[in-house]
C-alpha cells in the first residue's frame, strides 16, 4: 500500500503559476511530483523535519506554551 496522500491548496501570482506549468511541461514531470519535490526541498533548506508520521499539533502547542 502506498503513502497516504493529501491535497495542498493555495494561491500564487499568475506569472509564477504559468512559469511552473511551462517548466513542468518542458521537463515532462507532473505538477504533483514537482510540488512534492519543491516542498521537500523547502523544508530541508530550513532544517525542518520531514517525517512519514504526521506531527502531533496538540502536544506541540502544549509544550510550546509551557513556561
PDB file of N, CA and C in Angstrom:
ATOM      1  N   UNK A   1       0.839  -1.191   0.000  1.00  0.00           N
ATOM      2  CA  UNK A   1       0.000   0.000   0.000  1.00  0.00           C
ATOM      3  C   UNK A   1       0.877   1.245   0.000  1.00  0.00           C
ATOM      4  N   UNK A   2       0.503   2.267  -0.754  1.00  0.00           N
ATOM      5  CA  UNK A   2       1.295   3.485  -0.876  1.00  0.00           C
ATOM      6  C   UNK A   2       1.123   4.421   0.304  1.00  0.00           C
ATOM      7  N   UNK A   3       1.872   5.506   0.249  1.00  0.00           N
ATOM      8  CA  UNK A   3       1.791   6.524   1.297  1.00  0.00           C
ATOM      9  C   UNK A   3       0.441   7.225   1.223  1.00  0.00           C
ATOM     10  N   UNK A   4      -0.097   7.651   2.381  1.00  0.00           N
ATOM     11  CA  UNK A   4      -1.325   8.451   2.352  1.00  0.00           C
ATOM     12  C   UNK A   4      -1.066   9.751   1.589  1.00  0.00           C
ATOM     13  N   UNK A   5      -2.049  10.181   0.840  1.00  0.00           N
ATOM     14  CA  UNK A   5      -1.923  11.381   0.014  1.00  0.00           C
ATOM     15  C   UNK A   5      -2.874  12.449   0.548  1.00  0.00           C
ATOM     16  N   UNK A   6      -2.413  13.688   0.586  1.00  0.00           N
ATOM     17  CA  UNK A   6      -3.231  14.826   0.997  1.00  0.00           C
ATOM     18  C   UNK A   6      -3.157  15.895  -0.082  1.00  0.00           C
ATOM     19  N   UNK A   7      -4.197  16.694  -0.167  1.00  0.00           N
ATOM     20  CA  UNK A   7      -4.248  17.774  -1.145  1.00  0.00           C
ATOM     21  C   UNK A   7      -3.714  19.054  -0.518  1.00  0.00           C
ATOM     22  N   UNK A   8      -2.960  19.822  -1.300  1.00  0.00           N
ATOM     23  CA  UNK A   8      -2.425  21.107  -0.862  1.00  0.00           C
ATOM     24  C   UNK A   8      -3.041  22.176  -1.747  1.00  0.00           C
ATOM     25  N   UNK A   9      -3.520  23.234  -1.131  1.00  0.00           N
ATOM     26  CA  UNK A   9      -4.133  24.323  -1.893  1.00  0.00           C
ATOM     27  C   UNK A   9      -3.519  25.648  -1.492  1.00  0.00           C
ATOM     28  N   UNK A  10      -3.514  26.562  -2.410  1.00  0.00           N
ATOM     29  CA  UNK A  10      -3.023  27.900  -2.121  1.00  0.00           C
ATOM     30  C   UNK A  10      -3.121  28.768  -3.357  1.00  0.00           C
ATOM     31  N   UNK A  11      -2.857  30.024  -3.181  1.00  0.00           N
ATOM     32  CA  UNK A  11      -2.901  30.977  -4.290  1.00  0.00           C
ATOM     33  C   UNK A  11      -1.511  31.560  -4.475  1.00  0.00           C
ATOM     34  N   UNK A  12      -1.107  31.671  -5.739  1.00  0.00           N
ATOM     35  CA  UNK A  12       0.191  32.249  -6.080  1.00  0.00           C
ATOM     36  C   UNK A  12      -0.010  33.220  -7.234  1.00  0.00           C
ATOM     37  N   UNK A  13       0.942  34.123  -7.453  1.00  0.00           N
ATOM     38  CA  UNK A  13       0.812  35.049  -8.585  1.00  0.00           C
ATOM     39  C   UNK A  13       0.692  34.287  -9.909  1.00  0.00           C
ATOM     40  N   UNK A  14      -0.097  34.853 -10.819  1.00  0.00           N
ATOM     41  CA  UNK A  14      -0.377  34.202 -12.098  1.00  0.00           C
ATOM     42  C   UNK A  14       0.891  33.918 -12.893  1.00  0.00           C
ATOM     43  N   UNK A  15       1.847  34.853 -12.901  1.00  0.00           N
ATOM     44  CA  UNK A  15       3.063  34.628 -13.685  1.00  0.00           C
ATOM     45  C   UNK A  15       3.876  33.451 -13.143  1.00  0.00           C
ATOM     46  N   UNK A  16       3.878  33.268 -11.823  1.00  0.00           N
ATOM     47  CA  UNK A  16       4.574  32.135 -11.221  1.00  0.00           C
ATOM     48  C   UNK A  16       3.877  30.824 -11.574  1.00  0.00           C
ATOM     49  N   UNK A  17       2.552  30.840 -11.577  1.00  0.00           N
ATOM     50  CA  UNK A  17       1.772  29.656 -11.944  1.00  0.00           C
ATOM     51  C   UNK A  17       2.060  29.243 -13.386  1.00  0.00           C
ATOM     52  N   UNK A  18       2.067  30.216 -14.281  1.00  0.00           N
ATOM     53  CA  UNK A  18       2.315  29.920 -15.697  1.00  0.00           C
ATOM     54  C   UNK A  18       3.733  29.392 -15.892  1.00  0.00           C
ATOM     55  N   UNK A  19       4.709  30.024 -15.242  1.00  0.00           N
ATOM     56  CA  UNK A  19       6.098  29.565 -15.353  1.00  0.00           C
ATOM     57  C   UNK A  19       6.229  28.134 -14.834  1.00  0.00           C
ATOM     58  N   UNK A  20       5.530  27.818 -13.750  1.00  0.00           N
ATOM     59  CA  UNK A  20       5.554  26.472 -13.180  1.00  0.00           C
ATOM     60  C   UNK A  20       4.955  25.459 -14.158  1.00  0.00           C
ATOM     61  N   UNK A  21       3.809  25.785 -14.736  1.00  0.00           N
ATOM     62  CA  UNK A  21       3.167  24.881 -15.694  1.00  0.00           C
ATOM     63  C   UNK A  21       4.055  24.643 -16.910  1.00  0.00           C
ATOM     64  N   UNK A  22       4.671  25.700 -17.424  1.00  0.00           N
ATOM     65  CA  UNK A  22       5.551  25.577 -18.591  1.00  0.00           C
ATOM     66  C   UNK A  22       6.767  24.725 -18.245  1.00  0.00           C
ATOM     67  N   UNK A  23       7.372  24.980 -17.083  1.00  0.00           N
ATOM     68  CA  UNK A  23       8.552  24.211 -16.671  1.00  0.00           C
ATOM     69  C   UNK A  23       8.214  22.730 -16.513  1.00  0.00           C
ATOM     70  N   UNK A  24       7.084  22.424 -15.911  1.00  0.00           N
ATOM     71  CA  UNK A  24       6.673  21.023 -15.739  1.00  0.00           C
ATOM     72  C   UNK A  24       6.474  20.355 -17.097  1.00  0.00           C
ATOM     73  N   UNK A  25       5.852  21.062 -18.027  1.00  0.00           N
ATOM     74  CA  UNK A  25       5.631  20.503 -19.361  1.00  0.00           C
ATOM     75  C   UNK A  25       6.957  20.266 -20.083  1.00  0.00           C
ATOM     76  N   UNK A  26       7.854  21.239 -20.019  1.00  0.00           N
ATOM     77  CA  UNK A  26       9.159  21.100 -20.686  1.00  0.00           C
ATOM     78  C   UNK A  26       9.981  19.958 -20.099  1.00  0.00           C
ATOM     79  N   UNK A  27       9.911  19.806 -18.774  1.00  0.00           N
ATOM     80  CA  UNK A  27      10.683  18.756 -18.096  1.00  0.00           C
ATOM     81  C   UNK A  27       9.963  17.408 -18.088  1.00  0.00           C
ATOM     82  N   UNK A  28       8.729  17.416 -18.605  1.00  0.00           N
ATOM     83  CA  UNK A  28       7.902  16.206 -18.647  1.00  0.00           C
ATOM     84  C   UNK A  28       7.768  15.574 -17.262  1.00  0.00           C
ATOM     85  N   UNK A  29       7.428  16.430 -16.290  1.00  0.00           N
ATOM     86  CA  UNK A  29       7.205  15.984 -14.916  1.00  0.00           C
ATOM     87  C   UNK A  29       5.813  16.458 -14.499  1.00  0.00           C
ATOM     88  N   UNK A  30       5.133  15.655 -13.703  1.00  0.00           N
ATOM     89  CA  UNK A  30       3.797  16.060 -13.269  1.00  0.00           C
ATOM     90  C   UNK A  30       3.907  17.210 -12.275  1.00  0.00           C
ATOM     91  N   UNK A  31       2.891  18.047 -12.254  1.00  0.00           N
ATOM     92  CA  UNK A  31       2.882  19.162 -11.316  1.00  0.00           C
ATOM     93  C   UNK A  31       2.857  18.652  -9.880  1.00  0.00           C
ATOM     94  N   UNK A  32       2.180  17.548  -9.636  1.00  0.00           N
ATOM     95  CA  UNK A  32       2.137  16.972  -8.288  1.00  0.00           C
ATOM     96  C   UNK A  32       3.534  16.559  -7.834  1.00  0.00           C
ATOM     97  N   UNK A  33       4.282  15.903  -8.711  1.00  0.00           N
ATOM     98  CA  UNK A  33       5.647  15.488  -8.354  1.00  0.00           C
ATOM     99  C   UNK A  33       6.557  16.695  -8.159  1.00  0.00           C
ATOM    100  N   UNK A  34       6.407  17.701  -9.004  1.00  0.00           N
ATOM    101  CA  UNK A  34       7.231  18.904  -8.877  1.00  0.00           C
ATOM    102  C   UNK A  34       6.936  19.629  -7.567  1.00  0.00           C
ATOM    103  N   UNK A  35       5.663  19.718  -7.202  1.00  0.00           N
ATOM    104  CA  UNK A  35       5.304  20.361  -5.939  1.00  0.00           C
ATOM    105  C   UNK A  35       5.824  19.571  -4.743  1.00  0.00           C
ATOM    106  N   UNK A  36       5.719  18.256  -4.803  1.00  0.00           N
ATOM    107  CA  UNK A  36       6.239  17.423  -3.715  1.00  0.00           C
ATOM    108  C   UNK A  36       7.739  17.660  -3.547  1.00  0.00           C
ATOM    109  N   UNK A  37       8.472  17.673  -4.654  1.00  0.00           N
ATOM    110  CA  UNK A  37       9.918  17.927  -4.597  1.00  0.00           C
ATOM    111  C   UNK A  37      10.210  19.321  -4.040  1.00  0.00           C
ATOM    112  N   UNK A  38       9.447  20.317  -4.484  1.00  0.00           N
ATOM    113  CA  UNK A  38       9.671  21.693  -4.037  1.00  0.00           C
ATOM    114  C   UNK A  38       9.405  21.844  -2.539  1.00  0.00           C
ATOM    115  N   UNK A  39       8.342  21.227  -2.055  1.00  0.00           N
ATOM    116  CA  UNK A  39       8.018  21.307  -0.626  1.00  0.00           C
ATOM    117  C   UNK A  39       9.084  20.598   0.196  1.00  0.00           C
ATOM    118  N   UNK A  40       9.504  19.426  -0.265  1.00  0.00           N
ATOM    119  CA  UNK A  40      10.554  18.676   0.438  1.00  0.00           C
ATOM    120  C   UNK A  40      11.846  19.510   0.510  1.00  0.00           C
ATOM    121  N   UNK A  41      12.247  20.118  -0.608  1.00  0.00           N
ATOM    122  CA  UNK A  41      13.464  20.938  -0.645  1.00  0.00           C
ATOM    123  C   UNK A  41      13.323  22.162   0.252  1.00  0.00           C
ATOM    124  N   UNK A  42      12.151  22.790   0.261  1.00  0.00           N
ATOM    125  CA  UNK A  42      11.893  23.958   1.099  1.00  0.00           C
ATOM    126  C   UNK A  42      12.074  23.600   2.567  1.00  0.00           C
ATOM    127  N   UNK A  43      11.528  22.461   2.978  1.00  0.00           N
ATOM    128  CA  UNK A  43      11.674  22.011   4.366  1.00  0.00           C
ATOM    129  C   UNK A  43      13.133  21.712   4.700  1.00  0.00           C
ATOM    130  N   UNK A  44      13.820  21.001   3.818  1.00  0.00           N
ATOM    131  CA  UNK A  44      15.225  20.658   4.053  1.00  0.00           C
ATOM    132  C   UNK A  44      16.100  21.907   4.149  1.00  0.00           C
ATOM    133  N   UNK A  45      15.846  22.904   3.297  1.00  0.00           N
ATOM    134  CA  UNK A  45      16.627  24.143   3.321  1.00  0.00           C
ATOM    135  C   UNK A  45      16.472  24.903   4.630  1.00  0.00           C
ATOM    136  N   UNK A  46      15.394  24.653   5.331  1.00  0.00           N
ATOM    137  CA  UNK A  46      15.134  25.321   6.604  1.00  0.00           C
ATOM    138  C   UNK A  46      15.409  24.398   7.790  1.00  0.00           C
ATOM    139  N   UNK A  47      16.048  23.265   7.508  1.00  0.00           N
ATOM    140  CA  UNK A  47      16.390  22.267   8.534  1.00  0.00           C
ATOM    141  C   UNK A  47      15.172  21.836   9.338  1.00  0.00           C
ATOM    142  N   UNK A  48      14.043  21.722   8.655  1.00  0.00           N
ATOM    143  CA  UNK A  48      12.814  21.264   9.303  1.00  0.00           C
ATOM    144  C   UNK A  48      12.639  19.774   9.042  1.00  0.00           C
ATOM    145  N   UNK A  49      12.025  19.063   9.982  1.00  0.00           N
ATOM    146  CA  UNK A  49      11.897  17.614   9.826  1.00  0.00           C
ATOM    147  C   UNK A  49      10.944  17.233   8.704  1.00  0.00           C
ATOM    148  N   UNK A  50      11.295  16.167   8.036  1.00  0.00           N
ATOM    149  CA  UNK A  50      10.406  15.544   7.059  1.00  0.00           C
ATOM    150  C   UNK A  50      10.151  14.156   7.602  1.00  0.00           C
ATOM    151  N   UNK A  51       8.907  13.869   7.879  1.00  0.00           N
ATOM    152  CA  UNK A  51       8.579  12.607   8.512  1.00  0.00           C
ATOM    153  C   UNK A  51       7.432  11.943   7.789  1.00  0.00           C
ATOM    154  N   UNK A  52       7.426  10.639   7.843  1.00  0.00           N
ATOM    155  CA  UNK A  52       6.305   9.879   7.300  1.00  0.00           C
ATOM    156  C   UNK A  52       5.115   9.950   8.258  1.00  0.00           C
ATOM    157  N   UNK A  53       5.379  10.304   9.517  1.00  0.00           N
ATOM    158  CA  UNK A  53       4.330  10.388  10.528  1.00  0.00           C
ATOM    159  C   UNK A  53       3.860  11.837  10.650  1.00  0.00           C
ATOM    160  N   UNK A  54       2.543  12.052  10.790  1.00  0.00           N
ATOM    161  CA  UNK A  54       2.053  13.419  10.961  1.00  0.00           C
ATOM    162  C   UNK A  54       2.539  13.998  12.285  1.00  0.00           C
ATOM    163  N   UNK A  55       2.782  15.306  12.308  1.00  0.00           N
ATOM    164  CA  UNK A  55       3.183  15.969  13.541  1.00  0.00           C
ATOM    165  C   UNK A  55       2.008  16.011  14.492  1.00  0.00           C
ATOM    166  N   UNK A  56       2.280  15.884  15.777  1.00  0.00           N
ATOM    167  CA  UNK A  56       1.232  15.968  16.781  1.00  0.00           C
ATOM    168  C   UNK A  56       1.083  17.432  17.173  1.00  0.00           C
ATOM    169  N   UNK A  57       0.140  18.104  16.555  1.00  0.00           N
ATOM    170  CA  UNK A  57      -0.026  19.541  16.731  1.00  0.00           C
ATOM    171  C   UNK A  57      -0.434  19.873  18.159  1.00  0.00           C
ATOM    172  N   UNK A  58      -1.343  19.128  18.740  1.00  0.00           N
ATOM    173  CA  UNK A  58      -1.810  19.407  20.091  1.00  0.00           C
ATOM    174  C   UNK A  58      -0.679  19.334  21.104  1.00  0.00           C
ATOM    175  N   UNK A  59       0.129  18.273  21.055  1.00  0.00           N
ATOM    176  CA  UNK A  59       1.214  18.144  22.024  1.00  0.00           C
ATOM    177  C   UNK A  59       2.272  19.216  21.794  1.00  0.00           C
ATOM    178  N   UNK A  60       2.479  19.620  20.555  1.00  0.00           N
ATOM    179  CA  UNK A  60       3.438  20.682  20.258  1.00  0.00           C
ATOM    180  C   UNK A  60       2.952  22.007  20.838  1.00  0.00           C
ATOM    181  N   UNK A  61       1.651  22.275  20.764  1.00  0.00           N
ATOM    182  CA  UNK A  61       1.097  23.507  21.323  1.00  0.00           C
ATOM    183  C   UNK A  61       1.257  23.523  22.836  1.00  0.00           C
ATOM    184  N   UNK A  62       0.972  22.398  23.487  1.00  0.00           N
ATOM    185  CA  UNK A  62       1.088  22.323  24.939  1.00  0.00           C
ATOM    186  C   UNK A  62       2.528  22.519  25.375  1.00  0.00           C
ATOM    187  N   UNK A  63       3.461  21.919  24.660  1.00  0.00           N
ATOM    188  CA  UNK A  63       4.873  22.019  25.007  1.00  0.00           C
ATOM    189  C   UNK A  63       5.376  23.445  24.839  1.00  0.00           C
ATOM    190  N   UNK A  64       4.991  24.100  23.754  1.00  0.00           N
ATOM    191  CA  UNK A  64       5.492  25.445  23.478  1.00  0.00           C
ATOM    192  C   UNK A  64       4.878  26.484  24.404  1.00  0.00           C
ATOM    193  N   UNK A  65       3.703  26.221  24.977  1.00  0.00           N
ATOM    194  CA  UNK A  65       3.070  27.198  25.854  1.00  0.00           C
ATOM    195  C   UNK A  65       3.473  27.009  27.308  1.00  0.00           C
ATOM    196  N   UNK A  66       4.236  25.964  27.615  1.00  0.00           N
ATOM    197  CA  UNK A  66       4.689  25.735  28.983  1.00  0.00           C
ATOM    198  C   UNK A  66       5.798  26.712  29.325  1.00  0.00           C
ATOM    199  N   UNK A  67       5.797  27.256  30.587  1.00  0.00           N
ATOM    200  CA  UNK A  67       6.853  28.213  30.969  1.00  0.00           C
ATOM    201  C   UNK A  67       8.196  27.555  31.111  1.00  0.00           C
TER     202      UNK A  67
END
